């Protein structure tokens, strides 16, 4: 992997934070929604955000 600049790391940190927050919100919504289909969809959205977070974090050399 090429060396990242401070600006690159800042942007990636912001993206990771956004993915983490979106995952948490989607999980919260999936647990609060009374419509089962919508709750399931929010659960799938939360999993997708979690997968992107993990992929980015691993790419940056983080350990899971």
C-alpha atoms as a PDB file:
ATOM      1  CA  UNK A   1       0.000   0.000   0.000  1.00  0.00           C
ATOM      2  CA  UNK A   2       1.255   3.478  -0.780  1.00  0.00           C
ATOM      3  CA  UNK A   3       2.082   5.763   2.067  1.00  0.00           C
ATOM      4  CA  UNK A   4      -0.862   7.858   3.185  1.00  0.00           C
ATOM      5  CA  UNK A   5      -0.658  11.552   3.899  1.00  0.00           C
ATOM      6  CA  UNK A   6      -2.072  13.164   7.020  1.00  0.00           C
ATOM      7  CA  UNK A   7      -4.982  14.440   4.920  1.00  0.00           C
ATOM      8  CA  UNK A   8      -5.682  10.913   3.622  1.00  0.00           C
ATOM      9  CA  UNK A   9      -5.722   9.566   7.171  1.00  0.00           C
ATOM     10  CA  UNK A  10      -8.016  12.376   8.285  1.00  0.00           C
ATOM     11  CA  UNK A  11     -10.504  11.624   5.507  1.00  0.00           C
ATOM     12  CA  UNK A  12     -10.395   7.886   6.206  1.00  0.00           C
ATOM     13  CA  UNK A  13     -10.931   8.533   9.900  1.00  0.00           C
ATOM     14  CA  UNK A  14     -14.008  10.591   9.071  1.00  0.00           C
ATOM     15  CA  UNK A  15     -15.319   7.826   6.801  1.00  0.00           C
ATOM     16  CA  UNK A  16     -14.742   5.206   9.513  1.00  0.00           C
ATOM     17  CA  UNK A  17     -16.565   7.376  12.034  1.00  0.00           C
ATOM     18  CA  UNK A  18     -19.464   7.823   9.620  1.00  0.00           C
ATOM     19  CA  UNK A  19     -19.724   4.080   8.947  1.00  0.00           C
ATOM     20  CA  UNK A  20     -19.639   3.336  12.679  1.00  0.00           C
ATOM     21  CA  UNK A  21     -22.360   5.886  13.431  1.00  0.00           C
ATOM     22  CA  UNK A  22     -24.545   4.694  10.547  1.00  0.00           C
ATOM     23  CA  UNK A  23     -24.205   1.100  11.756  1.00  0.00           C
ATOM     24  CA  UNK A  24     -25.196   2.036  15.310  1.00  0.00           C
ATOM     25  CA  UNK A  25     -28.205   4.062  14.110  1.00  0.00           C
ATOM     26  CA  UNK A  26     -29.407   1.303  11.794  1.00  0.00           C
ATOM     27  CA  UNK A  27     -29.103  -1.237  14.649  1.00  0.00           C
ATOM     28  CA  UNK A  28     -31.070   1.076  16.913  1.00  0.00           C
ATOM     29  CA  UNK A  29     -33.773   1.518  14.277  1.00  0.00           C
ATOM     30  CA  UNK A  30     -33.944  -2.236  13.641  1.00  0.00           C
ATOM     31  CA  UNK A  31     -34.548  -2.809  17.346  1.00  0.00           C
ATOM     32  CA  UNK A  32     -37.184  -0.055  17.616  1.00  0.00           C
ATOM     33  CA  UNK A  33     -39.243  -0.476  14.465  1.00  0.00           C
ATOM     34  CA  UNK A  34     -42.514  -2.344  14.876  1.00  0.00           C
ATOM     35  CA  UNK A  35     -42.780  -3.272  11.180  1.00  0.00           C
ATOM     36  CA  UNK A  36     -40.886  -6.566  10.870  1.00  0.00           C
ATOM     37  CA  UNK A  37     -39.915  -6.018   7.225  1.00  0.00           C
ATOM     38  CA  UNK A  38     -38.482  -2.570   7.940  1.00  0.00           C
ATOM     39  CA  UNK A  39     -36.686  -3.860  11.027  1.00  0.00           C
ATOM     40  CA  UNK A  40     -35.114  -6.630   8.965  1.00  0.00           C
ATOM     41  CA  UNK A  41     -34.059  -4.161   6.272  1.00  0.00           C
ATOM     42  CA  UNK A  42     -32.431  -1.914   8.901  1.00  0.00           C
ATOM     43  CA  UNK A  43     -30.591  -4.949  10.258  1.00  0.00           C
ATOM     44  CA  UNK A  44     -29.226  -5.664   6.782  1.00  0.00           C
ATOM     45  CA  UNK A  45     -28.204  -2.031   6.391  1.00  0.00           C
ATOM     46  CA  UNK A  46     -26.403  -2.177   9.755  1.00  0.00           C
ATOM     47  CA  UNK A  47     -24.515  -5.305   8.644  1.00  0.00           C
ATOM     48  CA  UNK A  48     -23.479  -3.602   5.400  1.00  0.00           C
ATOM     49  CA  UNK A  49     -22.105  -0.596   7.306  1.00  0.00           C
ATOM     50  CA  UNK A  50     -20.285  -2.923   9.720  1.00  0.00           C
ATOM     51  CA  UNK A  51     -18.716  -4.810   6.805  1.00  0.00           C
ATOM     52  CA  UNK A  52     -17.500  -1.582   5.192  1.00  0.00           C
ATOM     53  CA  UNK A  53     -16.089  -0.389   8.514  1.00  0.00           C
ATOM     54  CA  UNK A  54     -14.234  -3.665   9.010  1.00  0.00           C
ATOM     55  CA  UNK A  55     -12.890  -3.669   5.448  1.00  0.00           C
ATOM     56  CA  UNK A  56     -11.573  -0.107   5.742  1.00  0.00           C
ATOM     57  CA  UNK A  57     -10.133  -0.695   9.197  1.00  0.00           C
ATOM     58  CA  UNK A  58      -8.380  -3.879   8.061  1.00  0.00           C
ATOM     59  CA  UNK A  59      -7.063  -2.139   4.945  1.00  0.00           C
ATOM     60  CA  UNK A  60      -5.484   0.499   7.180  1.00  0.00           C
ATOM     61  CA  UNK A  61      -3.685  -2.197   9.146  1.00  0.00           C
ATOM     62  CA  UNK A  62      -6.080  -2.483  12.071  1.00  0.00           C
ATOM     63  CA  UNK A  63      -6.661  -5.816  13.715  1.00  0.00           C
ATOM     64  CA  UNK A  64     -10.123  -7.302  14.142  1.00  0.00           C
END
